Every structure is written in structure tokens, then in C-alpha cells.
PDB file of N, CA and C in Angstrom:
ATOM      1  N   MET A   1     -11.726  13.017 -14.789  1.00  0.00           N
ATOM      2  CA  MET A   1     -10.708  13.683 -14.060  1.00  0.00           C
ATOM      3  C   MET A   1      -9.437  14.134 -14.832  1.00  0.00           C
ATOM      4  N   ASN A   2      -9.352  15.238 -14.837  1.00  0.00           N
ATOM      5  CA  ASN A   2      -8.199  15.828 -15.534  1.00  0.00           C
ATOM      6  C   ASN A   2      -7.053  16.397 -14.426  1.00  0.00           C
ATOM      7  N   ASP A   3      -7.222  16.240 -13.355  1.00  0.00           N
ATOM      8  CA  ASP A   3      -6.287  16.690 -12.315  1.00  0.00           C
ATOM      9  C   ASP A   3      -5.147  15.759 -12.484  1.00  0.00           C
ATOM     10  N   LYS A   4      -3.988  16.214 -12.300  1.00  0.00           N
ATOM     11  CA  LYS A   4      -2.904  15.375 -12.397  1.00  0.00           C
ATOM     12  C   LYS A   4      -2.205  15.013 -11.008  1.00  0.00           C
ATOM     13  N   ARG A   5      -2.838  15.433 -10.007  1.00  0.00           N
ATOM     14  CA  ARG A   5      -2.378  14.970  -8.767  1.00  0.00           C
ATOM     15  C   ARG A   5      -2.684  13.512  -8.384  1.00  0.00           C
ATOM     16  N   CYS A   6      -1.919  12.767  -7.705  1.00  0.00           N
ATOM     17  CA  CYS A   6      -1.920  11.396  -7.228  1.00  0.00           C
ATOM     18  C   CYS A   6      -1.616  11.148  -5.981  1.00  0.00           C
ATOM     19  N   VAL A   7      -2.297  10.187  -5.214  1.00  0.00           N
ATOM     20  CA  VAL A   7      -1.738   9.787  -3.989  1.00  0.00           C
ATOM     21  C   VAL A   7      -1.186   8.472  -4.038  1.00  0.00           C
ATOM     22  N   ILE A   8      -0.070   8.350  -3.434  1.00  0.00           N
ATOM     23  CA  ILE A   8       0.576   6.978  -3.346  1.00  0.00           C
ATOM     24  C   ILE A   8       0.353   6.318  -2.015  1.00  0.00           C
ATOM     25  N   LEU A   9      -0.333   5.293  -1.970  1.00  0.00           N
ATOM     26  CA  LEU A   9      -0.422   4.433  -0.573  1.00  0.00           C
ATOM     27  C   LEU A   9       0.316   3.415  -0.617  1.00  0.00           C
ATOM     28  N   PHE A  10       1.237   3.438   0.437  1.00  0.00           N
ATOM     29  CA  PHE A  10       2.301   2.534   0.626  1.00  0.00           C
ATOM     30  C   PHE A  10       1.786   1.311   1.609  1.00  0.00           C
ATOM     31  N   VAL A  11       1.698   0.182   1.203  1.00  0.00           N
ATOM     32  CA  VAL A  11       1.147  -0.934   1.574  1.00  0.00           C
ATOM     33  C   VAL A  11       2.001  -2.165   1.800  1.00  0.00           C
ATOM     34  N   LYS A  12       1.895  -2.966   3.029  1.00  0.00           N
ATOM     35  CA  LYS A  12       2.624  -3.998   3.250  1.00  0.00           C
ATOM     36  C   LYS A  12       1.613  -5.349   2.971  1.00  0.00           C
ATOM     37  N   LEU A  13       2.089  -6.394   2.694  1.00  0.00           N
ATOM     38  CA  LEU A  13       1.250  -7.609   2.612  1.00  0.00           C
ATOM     39  C   LEU A  13       1.117  -7.775   4.066  1.00  0.00           C
ATOM     40  N   PRO A  14      -0.145  -8.102   4.565  1.00  0.00           N
ATOM     41  CA  PRO A  14      -0.438  -8.394   5.798  1.00  0.00           C
ATOM     42  C   PRO A  14      -0.051  -9.756   6.357  1.00  0.00           C
ATOM     43  N   GLU A  15       0.977  -9.682   6.889  1.00  0.00           N
ATOM     44  CA  GLU A  15       1.638 -11.015   7.375  1.00  0.00           C
ATOM     45  C   GLU A  15       2.054 -10.812   8.870  1.00  0.00           C
ATOM     46  N   LYS A  16       1.719 -11.941   9.551  1.00  0.00           N
ATOM     47  CA  LYS A  16       2.104 -11.961  11.011  1.00  0.00           C
ATOM     48  C   LYS A  16       3.625 -11.669  11.186  1.00  0.00           C
ATOM     49  N   GLY A  17       3.991 -10.751  12.121  1.00  0.00           N
ATOM     50  CA  GLY A  17       5.240 -10.397  12.353  1.00  0.00           C
ATOM     51  C   GLY A  17       5.793  -9.377  11.429  1.00  0.00           C
ATOM     52  N   ARG A  18       5.131  -8.921  10.416  1.00  0.00           N
ATOM     53  CA  ARG A  18       5.555  -7.957   9.395  1.00  0.00           C
ATOM     54  C   ARG A  18       4.936  -6.557   9.364  1.00  0.00           C
ATOM     55  N   VAL A  19       3.733  -6.505  10.240  1.00  0.00           N
ATOM     56  CA  VAL A  19       2.941  -5.353  10.247  1.00  0.00           C
ATOM     57  C   VAL A  19       2.589  -5.078  11.747  1.00  0.00           C
ATOM     58  N   LYS A  20       2.468  -3.910  12.074  1.00  0.00           N
ATOM     59  CA  LYS A  20       2.167  -3.543  13.657  1.00  0.00           C
ATOM     60  C   LYS A  20       2.985  -4.230  14.556  1.00  0.00           C
ATOM     61  N   SER A  21       4.143  -4.513  14.405  1.00  0.00           N
ATOM     62  CA  SER A  21       4.900  -5.298  15.206  1.00  0.00           C
ATOM     63  C   SER A  21       4.842  -4.780  16.874  1.00  0.00           C
ATOM     64  N   ARG A  22       4.889  -3.621  17.141  1.00  0.00           N
ATOM     65  CA  ARG A  22       4.848  -3.075  18.426  1.00  0.00           C
ATOM     66  C   ARG A  22       3.387  -3.289  18.866  1.00  0.00           C
ATOM     67  N   LEU A  23       2.500  -3.101  18.348  1.00  0.00           N
ATOM     68  CA  LEU A  23       1.107  -3.371  18.615  1.00  0.00           C
ATOM     69  C   LEU A  23       1.190  -4.984  18.964  1.00  0.00           C
ATOM     70  N   ALA A  24       1.591  -5.858  18.157  1.00  0.00           N
ATOM     71  CA  ALA A  24       1.589  -7.211  18.454  1.00  0.00           C
ATOM     72  C   ALA A  24       2.142  -7.656  19.445  1.00  0.00           C
ATOM     73  N   LEU A  25       3.065  -7.010  20.008  1.00  0.00           N
ATOM     74  CA  LEU A  25       3.875  -7.493  21.316  1.00  0.00           C
ATOM     75  C   LEU A  25       2.682  -7.369  22.608  1.00  0.00           C
ATOM     76  N   HIS A  26       1.862  -6.546  22.556  1.00  0.00           N
ATOM     77  CA  HIS A  26       0.777  -6.201  23.357  1.00  0.00           C
ATOM     78  C   HIS A  26      -0.448  -6.803  23.286  1.00  0.00           C
ATOM     79  N   ALA A  27      -0.911  -6.865  22.124  1.00  0.00           N
ATOM     80  CA  ALA A  27      -2.255  -7.511  21.537  1.00  0.00           C
ATOM     81  C   ALA A  27      -2.422  -8.660  20.894  1.00  0.00           C
ATOM     82  N   GLY A  28      -1.215  -9.158  20.483  1.00  0.00           N
ATOM     83  CA  GLY A  28      -0.907 -10.252  19.702  1.00  0.00           C
ATOM     84  C   GLY A  28      -0.909 -10.113  18.267  1.00  0.00           C
ATOM     85  N   GLU A  29      -0.398 -10.977  17.611  1.00  0.00           N
ATOM     86  CA  GLU A  29      -0.282 -11.181  16.039  1.00  0.00           C
ATOM     87  C   GLU A  29      -1.364 -11.084  15.342  1.00  0.00           C
ATOM     88  N   ASP A  30      -2.281 -11.802  15.714  1.00  0.00           N
ATOM     89  CA  ASP A  30      -3.708 -11.927  14.997  1.00  0.00           C
ATOM     90  C   ASP A  30      -4.314 -10.540  15.150  1.00  0.00           C
ATOM     91  N   VAL A  31      -4.583  -9.968  16.349  1.00  0.00           N
ATOM     92  CA  VAL A  31      -5.097  -8.603  16.407  1.00  0.00           C
ATOM     93  C   VAL A  31      -4.411  -7.630  15.412  1.00  0.00           C
ATOM     94  N   ALA A  32      -2.926  -7.629  15.541  1.00  0.00           N
ATOM     95  CA  ALA A  32      -2.244  -6.549  14.689  1.00  0.00           C
ATOM     96  C   ALA A  32      -2.581  -6.778  13.395  1.00  0.00           C
ATOM     97  N   VAL A  33      -2.483  -7.960  12.870  1.00  0.00           N
ATOM     98  CA  VAL A  33      -2.750  -8.222  11.388  1.00  0.00           C
ATOM     99  C   VAL A  33      -4.110  -7.770  11.033  1.00  0.00           C
ATOM    100  N   ARG A  34      -5.035  -8.020  11.846  1.00  0.00           N
ATOM    101  CA  ARG A  34      -6.546  -7.769  11.434  1.00  0.00           C
ATOM    102  C   ARG A  34      -6.636  -6.226  11.474  1.00  0.00           C
ATOM    103  N   LEU A  35      -6.155  -5.477  12.610  1.00  0.00           N
ATOM    104  CA  LEU A  35      -6.162  -4.001  12.590  1.00  0.00           C
ATOM    105  C   LEU A  35      -5.507  -3.427  11.221  1.00  0.00           C
ATOM    106  N   TYR A  36      -4.368  -4.026  11.136  1.00  0.00           N
ATOM    107  CA  TYR A  36      -3.497  -3.494   9.735  1.00  0.00           C
ATOM    108  C   TYR A  36      -4.538  -3.602   8.495  1.00  0.00           C
ATOM    109  N   GLU A  37      -4.983  -4.736   8.296  1.00  0.00           N
ATOM    110  CA  GLU A  37      -5.933  -5.160   7.159  1.00  0.00           C
ATOM    111  C   GLU A  37      -7.122  -4.017   7.194  1.00  0.00           C
ATOM    112  N   ASN A  38      -7.628  -3.869   8.350  1.00  0.00           N
ATOM    113  CA  ASN A  38      -8.903  -2.858   8.376  1.00  0.00           C
ATOM    114  C   ASN A  38      -8.414  -1.462   8.059  1.00  0.00           C
ATOM    115  N   MET A  39      -7.218  -1.039   8.480  1.00  0.00           N
ATOM    116  CA  MET A  39      -6.621   0.382   8.407  1.00  0.00           C
ATOM    117  C   MET A  39      -6.270   0.494   6.861  1.00  0.00           C
ATOM    118  N   VAL A  40      -6.009  -0.455   6.299  1.00  0.00           N
ATOM    119  CA  VAL A  40      -5.554  -0.273   4.693  1.00  0.00           C
ATOM    120  C   VAL A  40      -7.118  -0.290   4.151  1.00  0.00           C
ATOM    121  N   LEU A  41      -7.897  -1.156   4.424  1.00  0.00           N
ATOM    122  CA  LEU A  41      -9.174  -1.046   3.711  1.00  0.00           C
ATOM    123  C   LEU A  41      -9.910   0.252   3.969  1.00  0.00           C
ATOM    124  N   ASP A  42      -9.712   0.816   5.076  1.00  0.00           N
ATOM    125  CA  ASP A  42     -10.416   2.137   5.262  1.00  0.00           C
ATOM    126  C   ASP A  42      -9.735   3.192   4.589  1.00  0.00           C
ATOM    127  N   ALA A  43      -8.417   3.228   4.535  1.00  0.00           N
ATOM    128  CA  ALA A  43      -7.681   4.166   3.694  1.00  0.00           C
ATOM    129  C   ALA A  43      -8.183   4.038   2.107  1.00  0.00           C
ATOM    130  N   ILE A  44      -8.200   2.874   1.714  1.00  0.00           N
ATOM    131  CA  ILE A  44      -8.643   2.823   0.173  1.00  0.00           C
ATOM    132  C   ILE A  44     -10.054   3.101  -0.019  1.00  0.00           C
ATOM    133  N   ASP A  45     -11.137   2.891   0.978  1.00  0.00           N
ATOM    134  CA  ASP A  45     -12.369   3.425   0.821  1.00  0.00           C
ATOM    135  C   ASP A  45     -12.417   5.007   0.772  1.00  0.00           C
ATOM    136  N   MET A  46     -11.542   5.605   1.720  1.00  0.00           N
ATOM    137  CA  MET A  46     -11.503   6.912   1.768  1.00  0.00           C
ATOM    138  C   MET A  46     -10.846   7.426   0.358  1.00  0.00           C
ATOM    139  N   LEU A  47     -10.012   6.964  -0.187  1.00  0.00           N
ATOM    140  CA  LEU A  47      -9.485   7.389  -1.416  1.00  0.00           C
ATOM    141  C   LEU A  47     -10.229   7.084  -2.404  1.00  0.00           C
ATOM    142  N   LYS A  48     -11.079   6.144  -2.565  1.00  0.00           N
ATOM    143  CA  LYS A  48     -11.931   5.983  -3.601  1.00  0.00           C
ATOM    144  C   LYS A  48     -13.278   7.088  -3.652  1.00  0.00           C
ATOM    145  N   ARG A  49     -13.358   7.605  -2.550  1.00  0.00           N
ATOM    146  CA  ARG A  49     -14.487   8.683  -2.349  1.00  0.00           C
ATOM    147  C   ARG A  49     -13.822   9.858  -2.855  1.00  0.00           C
ATOM    148  N   GLY A  50     -12.432  10.182  -2.770  1.00  0.00           N
ATOM    149  CA  GLY A  50     -11.998  11.515  -3.137  1.00  0.00           C
ATOM    150  C   GLY A  50     -11.792  11.664  -4.683  1.00  0.00           C
ATOM    151  N   ARG A  51     -11.102  12.728  -4.814  1.00  0.00           N
ATOM    152  CA  ARG A  51     -11.189  13.135  -6.277  1.00  0.00           C
ATOM    153  C   ARG A  51      -9.921  13.008  -6.960  1.00  0.00           C
ATOM    154  N   PHE A  52      -8.725  12.302  -6.261  1.00  0.00           N
ATOM    155  CA  PHE A  52      -7.497  12.299  -6.662  1.00  0.00           C
ATOM    156  C   PHE A  52      -7.407  10.763  -7.341  1.00  0.00           C
ATOM    157  N   LEU A  53      -6.641  10.506  -8.289  1.00  0.00           N
ATOM    158  CA  LEU A  53      -6.056   9.258  -8.523  1.00  0.00           C
ATOM    159  C   LEU A  53      -5.155   8.769  -7.379  1.00  0.00           C
ATOM    160  N   PHE A  54      -5.216   7.326  -7.283  1.00  0.00           N
ATOM    161  CA  PHE A  54      -4.360   6.691  -6.253  1.00  0.00           C
ATOM    162  C   PHE A  54      -3.636   5.519  -6.849  1.00  0.00           C
ATOM    163  N   ARG A  55      -2.451   5.196  -6.394  1.00  0.00           N
ATOM    164  CA  ARG A  55      -1.848   4.035  -6.686  1.00  0.00           C
ATOM    165  C   ARG A  55      -1.376   3.409  -5.406  1.00  0.00           C
ATOM    166  N   ILE A  56      -1.470   2.056  -5.485  1.00  0.00           N
ATOM    167  CA  ILE A  56      -1.207   1.180  -4.230  1.00  0.00           C
ATOM    168  C   ILE A  56       0.433   0.629  -4.519  1.00  0.00           C
ATOM    169  N   CYS A  57       1.247   1.108  -3.668  1.00  0.00           N
ATOM    170  CA  CYS A  57       2.704   0.845  -3.783  1.00  0.00           C
ATOM    171  C   CYS A  57       2.987  -0.254  -2.726  1.00  0.00           C
ATOM    172  N   TYR A  58       3.158  -1.523  -3.017  1.00  0.00           N
ATOM    173  CA  TYR A  58       3.141  -2.598  -2.154  1.00  0.00           C
ATOM    174  C   TYR A  58       4.624  -3.348  -1.892  1.00  0.00           C
ATOM    175  N   THR A  59       4.614  -3.919  -0.802  1.00  0.00           N
ATOM    176  CA  THR A  59       5.811  -4.909  -0.508  1.00  0.00           C
ATOM    177  C   THR A  59       5.230  -5.965   0.162  1.00  0.00           C
ATOM    178  N   PRO A  60       5.672  -7.295  -0.035  1.00  0.00           N
ATOM    179  CA  PRO A  60       7.134  -7.453  -0.783  1.00  0.00           C
ATOM    180  C   PRO A  60       6.787  -7.281  -2.490  1.00  0.00           C
ATOM    181  N   SER A  61       7.891  -7.125  -3.249  1.00  0.00           N
ATOM    182  CA  SER A  61       7.595  -6.654  -4.574  1.00  0.00           C
ATOM    183  C   SER A  61       7.250  -7.983  -5.280  1.00  0.00           C
ATOM    184  N   ASP A  62       7.223  -9.143  -4.680  1.00  0.00           N
ATOM    185  CA  ASP A  62       6.829 -10.221  -5.556  1.00  0.00           C
ATOM    186  C   ASP A  62       5.327 -10.625  -5.045  1.00  0.00           C
ATOM    187  N   ALA A  63       4.694  -9.782  -4.384  1.00  0.00           N
ATOM    188  CA  ALA A  63       3.357 -10.079  -3.687  1.00  0.00           C
ATOM    189  C   ALA A  63       2.177  -9.471  -4.648  1.00  0.00           C
ATOM    190  N   ARG A  64       2.323  -9.054  -5.864  1.00  0.00           N
ATOM    191  CA  ARG A  64       1.337  -8.436  -6.641  1.00  0.00           C
ATOM    192  C   ARG A  64       0.180  -9.283  -6.845  1.00  0.00           C
ATOM    193  N   ASP A  65       0.175 -10.589  -7.002  1.00  0.00           N
ATOM    194  CA  ASP A  65      -0.934 -11.392  -6.963  1.00  0.00           C
ATOM    195  C   ASP A  65      -1.721 -11.518  -5.651  1.00  0.00           C
ATOM    196  N   GLN A  66      -0.953 -11.664  -4.635  1.00  0.00           N
ATOM    197  CA  GLN A  66      -1.652 -11.726  -3.318  1.00  0.00           C
ATOM    198  C   GLN A  66      -2.376 -10.429  -3.006  1.00  0.00           C
ATOM    199  N   MET A  67      -1.577  -9.181  -3.219  1.00  0.00           N
ATOM    200  CA  MET A  67      -2.282  -7.931  -3.079  1.00  0.00           C
ATOM    201  C   MET A  67      -3.484  -7.773  -3.806  1.00  0.00           C
ATOM    202  N   MET A  68      -3.474  -8.052  -5.072  1.00  0.00           N
ATOM    203  CA  MET A  68      -4.810  -8.041  -5.862  1.00  0.00           C
ATOM    204  C   MET A  68      -5.856  -8.899  -5.492  1.00  0.00           C
ATOM    205  N   GLU A  69      -5.501 -10.112  -4.858  1.00  0.00           N
ATOM    206  CA  GLU A  69      -6.421 -11.002  -4.212  1.00  0.00           C
ATOM    207  C   GLU A  69      -7.231 -10.462  -3.150  1.00  0.00           C
ATOM    208  N   TRP A  70      -6.114  -9.768  -2.288  1.00  0.00           N
ATOM    209  CA  TRP A  70      -6.585  -9.119  -1.182  1.00  0.00           C
ATOM    210  C   TRP A  70      -7.632  -7.844  -1.435  1.00  0.00           C
ATOM    211  N   LEU A  71      -6.993  -6.925  -2.180  1.00  0.00           N
ATOM    212  CA  LEU A  71      -7.700  -5.703  -2.294  1.00  0.00           C
ATOM    213  C   LEU A  71      -8.212  -5.507  -3.568  1.00  0.00           C
ATOM    214  N   GLY A  72      -8.387  -6.470  -4.513  1.00  0.00           N
ATOM    215  CA  GLY A  72      -8.990  -6.390  -5.708  1.00  0.00           C
ATOM    216  C   GLY A  72      -8.270  -5.975  -6.853  1.00  0.00           C
ATOM    217  N   ARG A  73      -8.457  -6.352  -8.100  1.00  0.00           N
ATOM    218  CA  ARG A  73      -7.908  -6.098  -9.250  1.00  0.00           C
ATOM    219  C   ARG A  73      -8.012  -4.711  -9.976  1.00  0.00           C
ATOM    220  N   LYS A  74      -8.918  -3.852  -9.563  1.00  0.00           N
ATOM    221  CA  LYS A  74      -9.489  -2.703 -10.136  1.00  0.00           C
ATOM    222  C   LYS A  74      -8.423  -1.520  -9.831  1.00  0.00           C
ATOM    223  N   TYR A  75      -7.382  -1.776  -8.979  1.00  0.00           N
ATOM    224  CA  TYR A  75      -6.409  -0.740  -8.644  1.00  0.00           C
ATOM    225  C   TYR A  75      -5.233  -0.780  -9.420  1.00  0.00           C
ATOM    226  N   ASP A  76      -4.463   0.321  -9.405  1.00  0.00           N
ATOM    227  CA  ASP A  76      -3.053   0.342 -10.098  1.00  0.00           C
ATOM    228  C   ASP A  76      -2.262  -0.111  -8.878  1.00  0.00           C
ATOM    229  N   TYR A  77      -1.443  -0.984  -9.263  1.00  0.00           N
ATOM    230  CA  TYR A  77      -0.264  -1.355  -8.229  1.00  0.00           C
ATOM    231  C   TYR A  77       1.134  -1.330  -8.836  1.00  0.00           C
ATOM    232  N   LEU A  78       1.847  -0.890  -7.837  1.00  0.00           N
ATOM    233  CA  LEU A  78       3.400  -0.596  -8.114  1.00  0.00           C
ATOM    234  C   LEU A  78       4.086  -1.132  -6.882  1.00  0.00           C
ATOM    235  N   PRO A  79       5.113  -1.956  -7.473  1.00  0.00           N
ATOM    236  CA  PRO A  79       5.918  -2.580  -6.183  1.00  0.00           C
ATOM    237  C   PRO A  79       6.943  -1.581  -5.697  1.00  0.00           C
ATOM    238  N   GLN A  80       7.215  -1.665  -4.521  1.00  0.00           N
ATOM    239  CA  GLN A  80       8.294  -0.903  -3.834  1.00  0.00           C
ATOM    240  C   GLN A  80       9.466  -1.405  -4.092  1.00  0.00           C
ATOM    241  N   THR A  81      10.387  -0.599  -4.480  1.00  0.00           N
ATOM    242  CA  THR A  81      11.719  -0.783  -4.733  1.00  0.00           C
ATOM    243  C   THR A  81      12.735  -0.052  -3.804  1.00  0.00           C
ATOM    244  N   GLY A  82      13.954  -0.660  -3.449  1.00  0.00           N
ATOM    245  CA  GLY A  82      14.783   0.001  -2.584  1.00  0.00           C
ATOM    246  C   GLY A  82      14.982  -0.504  -1.323  1.00  0.00           C
ATOM    247  N   ASP A  83      16.085  -0.281  -0.475  1.00  0.00           N
ATOM    248  CA  ASP A  83      16.209  -0.900   0.722  1.00  0.00           C
ATOM    249  C   ASP A  83      15.688  -0.206   1.996  1.00  0.00           C
ATOM    250  N   ARG A  84      15.676   1.128   1.719  1.00  0.00           N
ATOM    251  CA  ARG A  84      15.170   2.013   2.763  1.00  0.00           C
ATOM    252  C   ARG A  84      13.889   2.803   2.417  1.00  0.00           C
ATOM    253  N   LEU A  85      13.193   3.233   3.472  1.00  0.00           N
ATOM    254  CA  LEU A  85      11.963   3.885   3.083  1.00  0.00           C
ATOM    255  C   LEU A  85      11.978   5.100   2.151  1.00  0.00           C
ATOM    256  N   GLY A  86      13.044   5.859   2.416  1.00  0.00           N
ATOM    257  CA  GLY A  86      13.199   7.022   1.493  1.00  0.00           C
ATOM    258  C   GLY A  86      13.559   6.527   0.121  1.00  0.00           C
ATOM    259  N   ASP A  87      14.433   5.516  -0.119  1.00  0.00           N
ATOM    260  CA  ASP A  87      14.620   5.101  -1.523  1.00  0.00           C
ATOM    261  C   ASP A  87      13.208   4.612  -2.017  1.00  0.00           C
ATOM    262  N   ARG A  88      12.502   3.692  -1.426  1.00  0.00           N
ATOM    263  CA  ARG A  88      11.176   3.237  -1.920  1.00  0.00           C
ATOM    264  C   ARG A  88      10.343   4.475  -2.346  1.00  0.00           C
ATOM    265  N   MET A  89      10.326   5.494  -1.396  1.00  0.00           N
ATOM    266  CA  MET A  89       9.352   6.875  -1.773  1.00  0.00           C
ATOM    267  C   MET A  89       9.835   7.420  -2.877  1.00  0.00           C
ATOM    268  N   GLU A  90      11.086   7.528  -3.097  1.00  0.00           N
ATOM    269  CA  GLU A  90      11.801   8.135  -4.120  1.00  0.00           C
ATOM    270  C   GLU A  90      11.318   7.367  -5.625  1.00  0.00           C
ATOM    271  N   ALA A  91      11.721   6.117  -5.356  1.00  0.00           N
ATOM    272  CA  ALA A  91      11.354   5.457  -6.675  1.00  0.00           C
ATOM    273  C   ALA A  91       9.891   5.489  -7.013  1.00  0.00           C
ATOM    274  N   ALA A  92       8.975   5.458  -6.097  1.00  0.00           N
ATOM    275  CA  ALA A  92       7.346   5.386  -6.377  1.00  0.00           C
ATOM    276  C   ALA A  92       7.146   6.846  -6.791  1.00  0.00           C
ATOM    277  N   PHE A  93       7.655   7.897  -6.440  1.00  0.00           N
ATOM    278  CA  PHE A  93       7.360   9.237  -6.897  1.00  0.00           C
ATOM    279  C   PHE A  93       7.818   9.240  -8.242  1.00  0.00           C
ATOM    280  N   ALA A  94       9.067   8.896  -8.444  1.00  0.00           N
ATOM    281  CA  ALA A  94       9.551   8.801  -9.890  1.00  0.00           C
ATOM    282  C   ALA A  94       8.914   8.313 -10.919  1.00  0.00           C
ATOM    283  N   SER A  95       8.559   6.996 -10.548  1.00  0.00           N
ATOM    284  CA  SER A  95       7.599   6.110 -11.318  1.00  0.00           C
ATOM    285  C   SER A  95       6.398   6.791 -11.754  1.00  0.00           C
ATOM    286  N   VAL A  96       5.491   7.095 -10.564  1.00  0.00           N
ATOM    287  CA  VAL A  96       4.218   7.615 -10.705  1.00  0.00           C
ATOM    288  C   VAL A  96       4.087   8.909 -11.527  1.00  0.00           C
ATOM    289  N   PHE A  97       5.064   9.941 -11.194  1.00  0.00           N
ATOM    290  CA  PHE A  97       5.032  11.259 -11.731  1.00  0.00           C
ATOM    291  C   PHE A  97       5.737  11.301 -13.021  1.00  0.00           C
ATOM    292  N   SER A  98       6.415  10.343 -13.464  1.00  0.00           N
ATOM    293  CA  SER A  98       6.989  10.259 -14.703  1.00  0.00           C
ATOM    294  C   SER A  98       6.080   9.911 -15.849  1.00  0.00           C
ATOM    295  N   GLY A  99       4.982   9.293 -15.374  1.00  0.00           N
ATOM    296  CA  GLY A  99       4.033   8.678 -16.218  1.00  0.00           C
ATOM    297  C   GLY A  99       4.174   7.266 -16.680  1.00  0.00           C
ATOM    298  N   ASP A 100       5.066   6.593 -15.974  1.00  0.00           N
ATOM    299  CA  ASP A 100       5.580   5.159 -16.358  1.00  0.00           C
ATOM    300  C   ASP A 100       4.476   4.321 -15.904  1.00  0.00           C
ATOM    301  N   VAL A 101       3.604   4.635 -14.940  1.00  0.00           N
ATOM    302  CA  VAL A 101       2.579   3.864 -14.256  1.00  0.00           C
ATOM    303  C   VAL A 101       1.371   4.033 -15.050  1.00  0.00           C
TER     304      VAL A 101
END
């Protein structure tokens, strides 16, 4: 694949109280976490079938081993850095598109 385009998938470690919190208020923490896990797996499955490279940009930044255990070791992982979403997105774009990853 010579295409230089890339998709950056922002993913949180699926922990109770940290994902799908508004849904969890109505459906419960277990349902919210399971839904989130399946949404991420579906997104990765779709990206694998696509024609662009993709990187998984995860949080918390010290969860690399846990992310790899959950999603597999065959993907490129990049920790999210920054306090706000915009900062995290900017850092990910800068890293991925500068060729640092």
C-alpha cells in the first residue's frame, strides 16, 4: 500500500465508569462497557477491510499492554497525550503524519 493516508482511531481502555457513562446511567455499567468493547471491535474490523493504514491512539497512556491484550499485538499503538481532546488529537496527528510512528 503506497497510499500515505491514515486513520487514527481514538480508543479508551474499557473500564466501568470511563466509557459510555450516559448510557450506563440507564442501562448499567456492564452493558455500557460491553457495548463500547463491541463498538471498538467493529470499528477495527471495518478498518482492517479498508484500504488505509490505521493507528490506535489509546488512553490512559500507561495502558499499552492492556490494549494489546484486548485488541491484539498486530496493530500500531500510540498513547494519547494532552489534557483536552483537541490537544490529544493535535498530538496524534503531529506524531502520525510526521512519520514518528
